[in-house]
Amino acid sequence: MWNLWMFLENSGFFASGPVQTALIVGTCAALVSAVIGMFTILRGNAFAGHALADVSSAGGAASFLLGINPLLGFLGMAWIAAFGMEFLGVRKVRERDLATGIVLGAGLGLSALFLYLDVTTTSTTGAAVSVMFGSMFAIPQSLIGPALMASAGVFLLVGLLYRPMMLMAVDPDLAAARGIPLRWIGLLQLLALGLAVAVCALAIGAVLATALLIGPAGAAIRLSRRPVQAICWAIAIGLTAVWVGIWMAYESYYWFSGNAWPVSFFIVALVFLFYLAAVLVAKVAGLSARPKSVSWPHCEA
């Protein structure tokens, strides 16, 4: 491990300013997606997470058009979508997915409009690629502070609402019987998810943010029987995918004769491979793939 650290240091990896910024923002994205991703999957909100990520692209495109902080753009549109999905939808899965689909379609329409205006009125080049697929080595250092603040917001919300969110995820009827306001807790969870979406979209793009939000948590749930253990696994998987992905993108400049491959490609590919590995390990070890069948609601919620 020490030899690897010295190799990276001597290669100039840690000395690069863009790499340092990418590592910090990427670490924030991995941590928040690991924490909120587990609740998203347990509650059956994976489609909602995907929708928030895609809709946030409208905010990212608007930020280029208006010249504002892109993180605020991603976050603002994700929160607007979160309010829309929660208050248009109801508890039935079919109608909740219908509301999510309607909000998703409207958000993508706005994204197409704003990206068109970016190109035609401001002559912004590369806006579509940056918004949709990310450009981690081009993130300015001024966004490190906002990314850290958004990540702190996710941890604060999850820390305050951990028990009701966990109980609501694994047994909504029991949560309602205990007097937990399901709609308001669900809304706060979506707002935390919106914060995580904004950080992930800033790191690897709005379209690919879903992979980081869902992949590590999905793999972790297959490998774990307790929620805290699952969160730890998700953090380990997410951080490994992000850090190794950044290093591979940095080194790909030398692998392909000066044509570096996108960071987001390596991160998403690694997340996919980790998920496949988790599925295989779970089958070999005989672990259940259904979190609700495990004794989670009785152990910590």
C-alpha atoms as a PDB file:
ATOM      1  CA  MET A   1       0.000   0.000   0.000  1.00  0.00           C
ATOM      2  CA  TRP A   2       2.843   2.384   0.856  1.00  0.00           C
ATOM      3  CA  ASN A   3       4.532   1.621  -2.478  1.00  0.00           C
ATOM      4  CA  LEU A   4       1.273   2.388  -4.295  1.00  0.00           C
ATOM      5  CA  TRP A   5       0.942   5.701  -2.431  1.00  0.00           C
ATOM      6  CA  MET A   6       4.528   6.651  -3.347  1.00  0.00           C
ATOM      7  CA  PHE A   7       3.924   5.702  -6.962  1.00  0.00           C
ATOM      8  CA  LEU A   8       0.841   7.931  -7.182  1.00  0.00           C
ATOM      9  CA  GLU A   9       2.658  10.779  -5.484  1.00  0.00           C
ATOM     10  CA  ASN A  10       5.675  10.522  -7.779  1.00  0.00           C
ATOM     11  CA  SER A  11       3.477  10.333 -10.877  1.00  0.00           C
ATOM     12  CA  GLY A  12       2.046  13.749 -10.064  1.00  0.00           C
ATOM     13  CA  PHE A  13      -1.436  12.341  -9.455  1.00  0.00           C
ATOM     14  CA  PHE A  14      -1.993  14.072  -6.100  1.00  0.00           C
ATOM     15  CA  ALA A  15      -0.142  17.209  -7.185  1.00  0.00           C
ATOM     16  CA  SER A  16      -2.672  17.987  -9.902  1.00  0.00           C
ATOM     17  CA  GLY A  17      -5.223  20.636  -8.909  1.00  0.00           C
ATOM     18  CA  PRO A  18      -8.050  19.182 -11.045  1.00  0.00           C
ATOM     19  CA  VAL A  19      -7.379  15.741  -9.558  1.00  0.00           C
ATOM     20  CA  GLN A  20      -7.554  17.112  -6.021  1.00  0.00           C
ATOM     21  CA  THR A  21     -10.887  18.796  -6.754  1.00  0.00           C
ATOM     22  CA  ALA A  22     -12.207  15.651  -8.451  1.00  0.00           C
ATOM     23  CA  LEU A  23     -11.212  13.509  -5.471  1.00  0.00           C
ATOM     24  CA  ILE A  24     -12.952  15.793  -2.983  1.00  0.00           C
ATOM     25  CA  VAL A  25     -16.176  16.197  -4.977  1.00  0.00           C
ATOM     26  CA  GLY A  26     -16.148  12.514  -5.939  1.00  0.00           C
ATOM     27  CA  THR A  27     -15.709  11.500  -2.313  1.00  0.00           C
ATOM     28  CA  CYS A  28     -18.689  13.670  -1.336  1.00  0.00           C
ATOM     29  CA  ALA A  29     -20.778  12.027  -4.069  1.00  0.00           C
ATOM     30  CA  ALA A  30     -19.783   8.513  -2.982  1.00  0.00           C
ATOM     31  CA  LEU A  31     -20.559   9.171   0.688  1.00  0.00           C
ATOM     32  CA  VAL A  32     -23.961  10.792   0.233  1.00  0.00           C
ATOM     33  CA  SER A  33     -25.094   8.248  -2.352  1.00  0.00           C
ATOM     34  CA  ALA A  34     -24.132   5.397  -0.025  1.00  0.00           C
ATOM     35  CA  VAL A  35     -26.104   6.854   2.878  1.00  0.00           C
ATOM     36  CA  ILE A  36     -29.297   7.882   1.081  1.00  0.00           C
ATOM     37  CA  GLY A  37     -29.125   5.145  -1.553  1.00  0.00           C
ATOM     38  CA  MET A  38     -29.981   2.383   0.913  1.00  0.00           C
ATOM     39  CA  PHE A  39     -33.202   4.103   2.019  1.00  0.00           C
ATOM     40  CA  THR A  40     -34.061   4.822  -1.615  1.00  0.00           C
ATOM     41  CA  ILE A  41     -33.842   1.135  -2.536  1.00  0.00           C
ATOM     42  CA  LEU A  42     -35.591  -0.160   0.583  1.00  0.00           C
ATOM     43  CA  ARG A  43     -38.535   2.172   0.058  1.00  0.00           C
ATOM     44  CA  GLY A  44     -38.794   1.163  -3.607  1.00  0.00           C
ATOM     45  CA  ASN A  45     -37.815   4.640  -4.807  1.00  0.00           C
ATOM     46  CA  ALA A  46     -35.138   3.631  -7.305  1.00  0.00           C
ATOM     47  CA  PHE A  47     -37.243   5.024 -10.156  1.00  0.00           C
ATOM     48  CA  ALA A  48     -37.706   8.258  -8.210  1.00  0.00           C
ATOM     49  CA  GLY A  49     -33.932   8.504  -7.752  1.00  0.00           C
ATOM     50  CA  HIS A  50     -33.429   7.984 -11.470  1.00  0.00           C
ATOM     51  CA  ALA A  51     -36.084  10.608 -12.235  1.00  0.00           C
ATOM     52  CA  LEU A  52     -34.579  13.193  -9.874  1.00  0.00           C
ATOM     53  CA  ALA A  53     -31.162  12.670 -11.452  1.00  0.00           C
ATOM     54  CA  ASP A  54     -32.509  13.115 -14.979  1.00  0.00           C
ATOM     55  CA  VAL A  55     -34.718  16.091 -14.093  1.00  0.00           C
ATOM     56  CA  SER A  56     -31.787  17.802 -12.359  1.00  0.00           C
ATOM     57  CA  SER A  57     -30.204  18.092 -15.813  1.00  0.00           C
ATOM     58  CA  ALA A  58     -32.676  20.918 -16.512  1.00  0.00           C
ATOM     59  CA  GLY A  59     -31.238  22.840 -13.577  1.00  0.00           C
ATOM     60  CA  GLY A  60     -27.696  22.165 -14.735  1.00  0.00           C
ATOM     61  CA  ALA A  61     -28.542  23.393 -18.219  1.00  0.00           C
ATOM     62  CA  ALA A  62     -30.245  26.475 -16.770  1.00  0.00           C
ATOM     63  CA  SER A  63     -27.132  27.264 -14.733  1.00  0.00           C
ATOM     64  CA  PHE A  64     -25.102  27.566 -17.948  1.00  0.00           C
ATOM     65  CA  LEU A  65     -27.790  29.785 -19.435  1.00  0.00           C
ATOM     66  CA  LEU A  66     -28.037  32.079 -16.396  1.00  0.00           C
ATOM     67  CA  GLY A  67     -24.376  31.951 -15.368  1.00  0.00           C
ATOM     68  CA  ILE A  68     -25.056  30.654 -11.844  1.00  0.00           C
ATOM     69  CA  ASN A  69     -23.492  27.962  -9.676  1.00  0.00           C
ATOM     70  CA  PRO A  70     -24.210  24.613 -11.417  1.00  0.00           C
ATOM     71  CA  LEU A  71     -24.661  22.840  -8.081  1.00  0.00           C
ATOM     72  CA  LEU A  72     -27.486  25.261  -7.242  1.00  0.00           C
ATOM     73  CA  GLY A  73     -29.028  24.558 -10.629  1.00  0.00           C
ATOM     74  CA  PHE A  74     -28.938  20.785 -10.145  1.00  0.00           C
ATOM     75  CA  LEU A  75     -30.237  21.096  -6.590  1.00  0.00           C
ATOM     76  CA  GLY A  76     -32.999  23.580  -7.347  1.00  0.00           C
ATOM     77  CA  MET A  77     -34.517  21.479 -10.111  1.00  0.00           C
ATOM     78  CA  ALA A  78     -34.121  18.251  -8.105  1.00  0.00           C
ATOM     79  CA  TRP A  79     -36.003  19.789  -5.176  1.00  0.00           C
ATOM     80  CA  ILE A  80     -38.774  21.118  -7.418  1.00  0.00           C
ATOM     81  CA  ALA A  81     -39.129  17.616  -8.865  1.00  0.00           C
ATOM     82  CA  ALA A  82     -39.098  16.087  -5.360  1.00  0.00           C
ATOM     83  CA  PHE A  83     -42.001  18.303  -4.259  1.00  0.00           C
ATOM     84  CA  GLY A  84     -43.884  17.471  -7.434  1.00  0.00           C
ATOM     85  CA  MET A  85     -43.416  13.712  -7.122  1.00  0.00           C
ATOM     86  CA  GLU A  86     -44.382  13.612  -3.450  1.00  0.00           C
ATOM     87  CA  PHE A  87     -47.499  15.754  -3.681  1.00  0.00           C
ATOM     88  CA  LEU A  88     -48.762  14.443  -7.029  1.00  0.00           C
ATOM     89  CA  GLY A  89     -48.213  10.831  -6.034  1.00  0.00           C
ATOM     90  CA  VAL A  90     -49.989   8.719  -3.444  1.00  0.00           C
ATOM     91  CA  ARG A  91     -48.992   5.650  -1.470  1.00  0.00           C
ATOM     92  CA  LYS A  92     -49.999   3.169  -4.168  1.00  0.00           C
ATOM     93  CA  VAL A  93     -46.929   2.208  -6.163  1.00  0.00           C
ATOM     94  CA  ARG A  94     -48.677   2.419  -9.538  1.00  0.00           C
ATOM     95  CA  GLU A  95     -49.913   5.976  -9.029  1.00  0.00           C
ATOM     96  CA  ARG A  96     -46.634   7.059  -7.417  1.00  0.00           C
ATOM     97  CA  ASP A  97     -44.715   5.817 -10.450  1.00  0.00           C
ATOM     98  CA  LEU A  98     -47.197   7.612 -12.707  1.00  0.00           C
ATOM     99  CA  ALA A  99     -46.540  10.920 -10.924  1.00  0.00           C
ATOM    100  CA  THR A 100     -42.797  10.278 -11.121  1.00  0.00           C
ATOM    101  CA  GLY A 101     -43.030   9.599 -14.853  1.00  0.00           C
ATOM    102  CA  ILE A 102     -44.993  12.796 -15.469  1.00  0.00           C
ATOM    103  CA  VAL A 103     -42.457  14.897 -13.550  1.00  0.00           C
ATOM    104  CA  LEU A 104     -39.606  13.122 -15.363  1.00  0.00           C
ATOM    105  CA  GLY A 105     -41.067  13.899 -18.780  1.00  0.00           C
ATOM    106  CA  ALA A 106     -41.609  17.562 -17.928  1.00  0.00           C
ATOM    107  CA  GLY A 107     -38.092  17.881 -16.539  1.00  0.00           C
ATOM    108  CA  LEU A 108     -36.470  16.342 -19.597  1.00  0.00           C
ATOM    109  CA  GLY A 109     -38.475  18.688 -21.798  1.00  0.00           C
ATOM    110  CA  LEU A 110     -37.114  21.683 -19.879  1.00  0.00           C
ATOM    111  CA  SER A 111     -33.618  20.222 -20.101  1.00  0.00           C
ATOM    112  CA  ALA A 112     -33.900  19.996 -23.899  1.00  0.00           C
ATOM    113  CA  LEU A 113     -35.105  23.602 -24.047  1.00  0.00           C
ATOM    114  CA  PHE A 114     -32.359  24.992 -21.808  1.00  0.00           C
ATOM    115  CA  LEU A 115     -29.614  23.080 -23.614  1.00  0.00           C
ATOM    116  CA  TYR A 116     -30.941  24.407 -26.930  1.00  0.00           C
ATOM    117  CA  LEU A 117     -30.871  27.960 -25.570  1.00  0.00           C
ATOM    118  CA  ASP A 118     -27.342  27.383 -24.219  1.00  0.00           C
ATOM    119  CA  VAL A 119     -26.121  26.626 -27.716  1.00  0.00           C
ATOM    120  CA  THR A 120     -28.148  29.183 -29.672  1.00  0.00           C
ATOM    121  CA  THR A 121     -28.087  32.228 -27.388  1.00  0.00           C
ATOM    122  CA  THR A 122     -24.896  31.956 -25.344  1.00  0.00           C
ATOM    123  CA  SER A 123     -22.720  29.876 -27.692  1.00  0.00           C
ATOM    124  CA  THR A 124     -21.807  27.667 -24.740  1.00  0.00           C
ATOM    125  CA  THR A 125     -19.709  24.735 -25.918  1.00  0.00           C
ATOM    126  CA  GLY A 126     -19.692  21.436 -24.100  1.00  0.00           C
ATOM    127  CA  ALA A 127     -22.734  22.270 -21.945  1.00  0.00           C
ATOM    128  CA  ALA A 128     -24.644  19.145 -22.934  1.00  0.00           C
ATOM    129  CA  VAL A 129     -21.709  16.840 -22.204  1.00  0.00           C
ATOM    130  CA  SER A 130     -20.926  18.499 -18.871  1.00  0.00           C
ATOM    131  CA  VAL A 131     -24.541  18.457 -17.690  1.00  0.00           C
ATOM    132  CA  MET A 132     -25.469  14.972 -18.875  1.00  0.00           C
ATOM    133  CA  PHE A 133     -22.219  13.046 -18.462  1.00  0.00           C
ATOM    134  CA  GLY A 134     -20.061  15.188 -16.180  1.00  0.00           C
ATOM    135  CA  SER A 135     -16.604  16.647 -16.549  1.00  0.00           C
ATOM    136  CA  MET A 136     -14.971  15.937 -13.215  1.00  0.00           C
ATOM    137  CA  PHE A 137     -11.520  17.284 -14.057  1.00  0.00           C
ATOM    138  CA  ALA A 138     -13.121  20.585 -15.106  1.00  0.00           C
ATOM    139  CA  ILE A 139     -14.922  21.228 -11.798  1.00  0.00           C
ATOM    140  CA  PRO A 140     -13.699  24.570 -10.386  1.00  0.00           C
ATOM    141  CA  GLN A 141     -12.290  24.648  -6.853  1.00  0.00           C
ATOM    142  CA  SER A 142     -14.975  27.171  -5.894  1.00  0.00           C
ATOM    143  CA  LEU A 143     -17.538  24.347  -5.946  1.00  0.00           C
ATOM    144  CA  ILE A 144     -15.764  22.312  -3.260  1.00  0.00           C
ATOM    145  CA  GLY A 145     -17.352  24.325  -0.442  1.00  0.00           C
ATOM    146  CA  PRO A 146     -20.943  24.030  -1.773  1.00  0.00           C
ATOM    147  CA  ALA A 147     -20.439  20.303  -2.405  1.00  0.00           C
ATOM    148  CA  LEU A 148     -19.275  19.820   1.191  1.00  0.00           C
ATOM    149  CA  MET A 149     -22.250  21.808   2.495  1.00  0.00           C
ATOM    150  CA  ALA A 150     -24.722  19.786   0.413  1.00  0.00           C
ATOM    151  CA  SER A 151     -23.148  16.564   1.678  1.00  0.00           C
ATOM    152  CA  ALA A 152     -23.406  17.788   5.268  1.00  0.00           C
ATOM    153  CA  GLY A 153     -27.103  18.484   4.646  1.00  0.00           C
ATOM    154  CA  VAL A 154     -27.662  14.865   3.584  1.00  0.00           C
ATOM    155  CA  PHE A 155     -25.908  13.518   6.676  1.00  0.00           C
ATOM    156  CA  LEU A 156     -27.862  15.891   8.920  1.00  0.00           C
ATOM    157  CA  LEU A 157     -31.239  14.866   7.498  1.00  0.00           C
ATOM    158  CA  VAL A 158     -30.436  11.151   7.601  1.00  0.00           C
ATOM    159  CA  GLY A 159     -29.046  11.428  11.120  1.00  0.00           C
ATOM    160  CA  LEU A 160     -32.167  13.177  12.400  1.00  0.00           C
ATOM    161  CA  LEU A 161     -34.634  10.925  10.569  1.00  0.00           C
ATOM    162  CA  TYR A 162     -32.777   7.600  10.570  1.00  0.00           C
ATOM    163  CA  ARG A 163     -35.239   5.594  12.676  1.00  0.00           C
ATOM    164  CA  PRO A 164     -38.514   6.802  11.109  1.00  0.00           C
ATOM    165  CA  MET A 165     -37.016   6.504   7.619  1.00  0.00           C
ATOM    166  CA  MET A 166     -35.864   2.958   8.306  1.00  0.00           C
ATOM    167  CA  LEU A 167     -39.189   1.874   9.776  1.00  0.00           C
ATOM    168  CA  MET A 168     -41.114   3.510   6.944  1.00  0.00           C
ATOM    169  CA  ALA A 169     -38.884   1.785   4.390  1.00  0.00           C
ATOM    170  CA  VAL A 170     -39.292  -1.742   5.735  1.00  0.00           C
ATOM    171  CA  ASP A 171     -42.857  -1.573   7.141  1.00  0.00           C
ATOM    172  CA  PRO A 172     -44.955   1.480   6.172  1.00  0.00           C
ATOM    173  CA  ASP A 173     -48.079   0.151   7.901  1.00  0.00           C
ATOM    174  CA  LEU A 174     -46.274  -0.236  11.212  1.00  0.00           C
ATOM    175  CA  ALA A 175     -44.766   3.231  10.789  1.00  0.00           C
ATOM    176  CA  ALA A 176     -48.232   4.703  10.243  1.00  0.00           C
ATOM    177  CA  ALA A 177     -49.578   2.824  13.273  1.00  0.00           C
ATOM    178  CA  ARG A 178     -46.855   4.401  15.400  1.00  0.00           C
ATOM    179  CA  GLY A 179     -47.920   7.867  14.295  1.00  0.00           C
ATOM    180  CA  ILE A 180     -45.065   8.615  11.895  1.00  0.00           C
ATOM    181  CA  PRO A 181     -46.175  11.227   9.306  1.00  0.00           C
ATOM    182  CA  LEU A 182     -45.374   9.182   6.219  1.00  0.00           C
ATOM    183  CA  ARG A 183     -45.910  11.957   3.670  1.00  0.00           C
ATOM    184  CA  TRP A 184     -43.672  14.483   5.426  1.00  0.00           C
ATOM    185  CA  ILE A 185     -40.935  11.955   6.193  1.00  0.00           C
ATOM    186  CA  GLY A 186     -41.143  10.820   2.577  1.00  0.00           C
ATOM    187  CA  LEU A 187     -40.789  14.407   1.399  1.00  0.00           C
ATOM    188  CA  LEU A 188     -37.767  15.023   3.636  1.00  0.00           C
ATOM    189  CA  GLN A 189     -36.203  11.821   2.338  1.00  0.00           C
ATOM    190  CA  LEU A 190     -36.727  13.023  -1.237  1.00  0.00           C
ATOM    191  CA  LEU A 191     -35.160  16.380  -0.332  1.00  0.00           C
ATOM    192  CA  ALA A 192     -32.113  14.541   1.052  1.00  0.00           C
ATOM    193  CA  LEU A 193     -32.094  12.480  -2.129  1.00  0.00           C
ATOM    194  CA  GLY A 194     -32.204  15.729  -4.123  1.00  0.00           C
ATOM    195  CA  LEU A 195     -29.100  16.977  -2.310  1.00  0.00           C
ATOM    196  CA  ALA A 196     -27.319  13.708  -3.088  1.00  0.00           C
ATOM    197  CA  VAL A 197     -28.472  13.852  -6.715  1.00  0.00           C
ATOM    198  CA  ALA A 198     -27.050  17.372  -7.085  1.00  0.00           C
ATOM    199  CA  VAL A 199     -23.635  16.316  -5.775  1.00  0.00           C
ATOM    200  CA  CYS A 200     -23.572  13.167  -7.932  1.00  0.00           C
ATOM    201  CA  ALA A 201     -24.725  15.086 -11.022  1.00  0.00           C
ATOM    202  CA  LEU A 202     -21.968  17.621 -10.468  1.00  0.00           C
ATOM    203  CA  ALA A 203     -19.440  14.783 -10.276  1.00  0.00           C
ATOM    204  CA  ILE A 204     -20.451  12.359 -13.029  1.00  0.00           C
ATOM    205  CA  GLY A 205     -23.360  14.040 -14.808  1.00  0.00           C
ATOM    206  CA  ALA A 206     -27.130  13.948 -14.404  1.00  0.00           C
ATOM    207  CA  VAL A 207     -27.696  10.912 -16.631  1.00  0.00           C
ATOM    208  CA  LEU A 208     -25.071   8.761 -14.912  1.00  0.00           C
ATOM    209  CA  ALA A 209     -25.776   9.931 -11.348  1.00  0.00           C
ATOM    210  CA  THR A 210     -28.274   7.076 -10.922  1.00  0.00           C
ATOM    211  CA  ALA A 211     -25.484   4.511 -11.151  1.00  0.00           C
ATOM    212  CA  LEU A 212     -23.689   5.997  -8.141  1.00  0.00           C
ATOM    213  CA  LEU A 213     -26.928   6.523  -6.220  1.00  0.00           C
ATOM    214  CA  ILE A 214     -28.278   3.010  -6.698  1.00  0.00           C
ATOM    215  CA  GLY A 215     -25.361   0.724  -7.615  1.00  0.00           C
ATOM    216  CA  PRO A 216     -23.212   0.718  -4.426  1.00  0.00           C
ATOM    217  CA  ALA A 217     -26.267   0.610  -2.146  1.00  0.00           C
ATOM    218  CA  GLY A 218     -27.834  -2.193  -4.177  1.00  0.00           C
ATOM    219  CA  ALA A 219     -24.635  -4.233  -3.998  1.00  0.00           C
ATOM    220  CA  ALA A 220     -24.262  -3.523  -0.279  1.00  0.00           C
ATOM    221  CA  ILE A 221     -27.795  -4.689   0.544  1.00  0.00           C
ATOM    222  CA  ARG A 222     -27.066  -8.014  -1.116  1.00  0.00           C
ATOM    223  CA  LEU A 223     -23.968  -8.463   1.043  1.00  0.00           C
ATOM    224  CA  SER A 224     -25.418  -7.351   4.387  1.00  0.00           C
ATOM    225  CA  ARG A 225     -27.989  -8.364   6.944  1.00  0.00           C
ATOM    226  CA  ARG A 226     -28.013  -5.138   8.960  1.00  0.00           C
ATOM    227  CA  PRO A 227     -28.533  -1.545   7.784  1.00  0.00           C
ATOM    228  CA  VAL A 228     -25.389  -0.025   9.303  1.00  0.00           C
ATOM    229  CA  GLN A 229     -23.344  -2.832   7.781  1.00  0.00           C
ATOM    230  CA  ALA A 230     -24.986  -2.156   4.420  1.00  0.00           C
ATOM    231  CA  ILE A 231     -24.142   1.543   4.634  1.00  0.00           C
ATOM    232  CA  CYS A 232     -20.499   0.700   5.399  1.00  0.00           C
ATOM    233  CA  TRP A 233     -20.359  -1.671   2.430  1.00  0.00           C
ATOM    234  CA  ALA A 234     -21.949   0.964   0.173  1.00  0.00           C
ATOM    235  CA  ILE A 235     -19.416   3.574   1.294  1.00  0.00           C
ATOM    236  CA  ALA A 236     -16.523   1.196   0.614  1.00  0.00           C
ATOM    237  CA  ILE A 237     -17.840   0.259  -2.835  1.00  0.00           C
ATOM    238  CA  GLY A 238     -18.662   3.841  -3.797  1.00  0.00           C
ATOM    239  CA  LEU A 239     -15.338   5.270  -2.656  1.00  0.00           C
ATOM    240  CA  THR A 240     -13.386   2.517  -4.389  1.00  0.00           C
ATOM    241  CA  ALA A 241     -15.263   3.055  -7.657  1.00  0.00           C
ATOM    242  CA  VAL A 242     -14.770   6.830  -7.513  1.00  0.00           C
ATOM    243  CA  TRP A 243     -11.110   6.866  -6.495  1.00  0.00           C
ATOM    244  CA  VAL A 244     -10.035   4.075  -8.856  1.00  0.00           C
ATOM    245  CA  GLY A 245     -12.156   5.611 -11.632  1.00  0.00           C
ATOM    246  CA  ILE A 246     -10.451   8.991 -11.235  1.00  0.00           C
ATOM    247  CA  TRP A 247      -7.018   7.339 -11.290  1.00  0.00           C
ATOM    248  CA  MET A 248      -7.891   5.277 -14.392  1.00  0.00           C
ATOM    249  CA  ALA A 249      -9.164   8.367 -16.215  1.00  0.00           C
ATOM    250  CA  TYR A 250      -5.984  10.235 -15.261  1.00  0.00           C
ATOM    251  CA  GLU A 251      -3.778   7.405 -16.495  1.00  0.00           C
ATOM    252  CA  SER A 252      -5.832   6.835 -19.652  1.00  0.00           C
ATOM    253  CA  TYR A 253      -4.209   9.959 -21.096  1.00  0.00           C
ATOM    254  CA  TYR A 254      -1.001   7.912 -21.376  1.00  0.00           C
ATOM    255  CA  TRP A 255      -2.767   4.678 -22.340  1.00  0.00           C
ATOM    256  CA  PHE A 256      -4.454   6.143 -25.416  1.00  0.00           C
ATOM    257  CA  SER A 257      -1.811   8.569 -26.711  1.00  0.00           C
ATOM    258  CA  GLY A 258      -3.144  11.775 -25.228  1.00  0.00           C
ATOM    259  CA  ASN A 259      -6.849  10.930 -25.539  1.00  0.00           C
ATOM    260  CA  ALA A 260      -8.105  10.555 -21.983  1.00  0.00           C
ATOM    261  CA  TRP A 261     -11.373   8.709 -21.449  1.00  0.00           C
ATOM    262  CA  PRO A 262     -14.148  10.279 -19.307  1.00  0.00           C
ATOM    263  CA  VAL A 263     -13.978   9.806 -15.541  1.00  0.00           C
ATOM    264  CA  SER A 264     -17.695   9.048 -15.422  1.00  0.00           C
ATOM    265  CA  PHE A 265     -17.271   6.051 -17.751  1.00  0.00           C
ATOM    266  CA  PHE A 266     -14.719   4.394 -15.473  1.00  0.00           C
ATOM    267  CA  ILE A 267     -16.744   5.086 -12.311  1.00  0.00           C
ATOM    268  CA  VAL A 268     -19.984   3.701 -13.745  1.00  0.00           C
ATOM    269  CA  ALA A 269     -18.204   0.663 -15.216  1.00  0.00           C
ATOM    270  CA  LEU A 270     -16.624  -0.119 -11.848  1.00  0.00           C
ATOM    271  CA  VAL A 271     -19.960   0.284 -10.039  1.00  0.00           C
ATOM    272  CA  PHE A 272     -21.511  -2.177 -12.500  1.00  0.00           C
ATOM    273  CA  LEU A 273     -18.716  -4.691 -11.964  1.00  0.00           C
ATOM    274  CA  PHE A 274     -18.987  -4.368  -8.186  1.00  0.00           C
ATOM    275  CA  TYR A 275     -22.728  -4.984  -8.381  1.00  0.00           C
ATOM    276  CA  LEU A 276     -22.229  -8.115 -10.499  1.00  0.00           C
ATOM    277  CA  ALA A 277     -19.611  -9.337  -8.019  1.00  0.00           C
ATOM    278  CA  ALA A 278     -22.002  -8.720  -5.109  1.00  0.00           C
ATOM    279  CA  VAL A 279     -24.735 -10.728  -6.842  1.00  0.00           C
ATOM    280  CA  LEU A 280     -22.354 -13.645  -7.350  1.00  0.00           C
ATOM    281  CA  VAL A 281     -21.043 -13.506  -3.780  1.00  0.00           C
ATOM    282  CA  ALA A 282     -24.590 -13.336  -2.404  1.00  0.00           C
ATOM    283  CA  LYS A 283     -25.607 -16.407  -4.386  1.00  0.00           C
ATOM    284  CA  VAL A 284     -22.547 -18.394  -3.352  1.00  0.00           C
ATOM    285  CA  ALA A 285     -22.910 -17.381   0.296  1.00  0.00           C
ATOM    286  CA  GLY A 286     -26.662 -17.945   0.282  1.00  0.00           C
ATOM    287  CA  LEU A 287     -27.481 -14.389   1.337  1.00  0.00           C
ATOM    288  CA  SER A 288     -31.024 -13.194   0.766  1.00  0.00           C
ATOM    289  CA  ALA A 289     -31.610 -10.685  -2.001  1.00  0.00           C
ATOM    290  CA  ARG A 290     -34.770  -9.453  -0.258  1.00  0.00           C
ATOM    291  CA  PRO A 291     -33.881  -6.982   2.481  1.00  0.00           C
ATOM    292  CA  LYS A 292     -37.413  -7.121   3.940  1.00  0.00           C
ATOM    293  CA  SER A 293     -37.046 -10.816   4.664  1.00  0.00           C
ATOM    294  CA  VAL A 294     -34.125 -10.099   6.976  1.00  0.00           C
ATOM    295  CA  SER A 295     -34.602  -8.910  10.533  1.00  0.00           C
ATOM    296  CA  TRP A 296     -33.760  -5.287   9.710  1.00  0.00           C
ATOM    297  CA  PRO A 297     -36.902  -3.656  11.130  1.00  0.00           C
ATOM    298  CA  HIS A 298     -36.291  -5.219  14.523  1.00  0.00           C
ATOM    299  CA  CYS A 299     -32.589  -4.631  14.853  1.00  0.00           C
ATOM    300  CA  GLU A 300     -32.096  -0.883  14.549  1.00  0.00           C
ATOM    301  CA  ALA A 301     -35.332   0.765  13.523  1.00  0.00           C
END
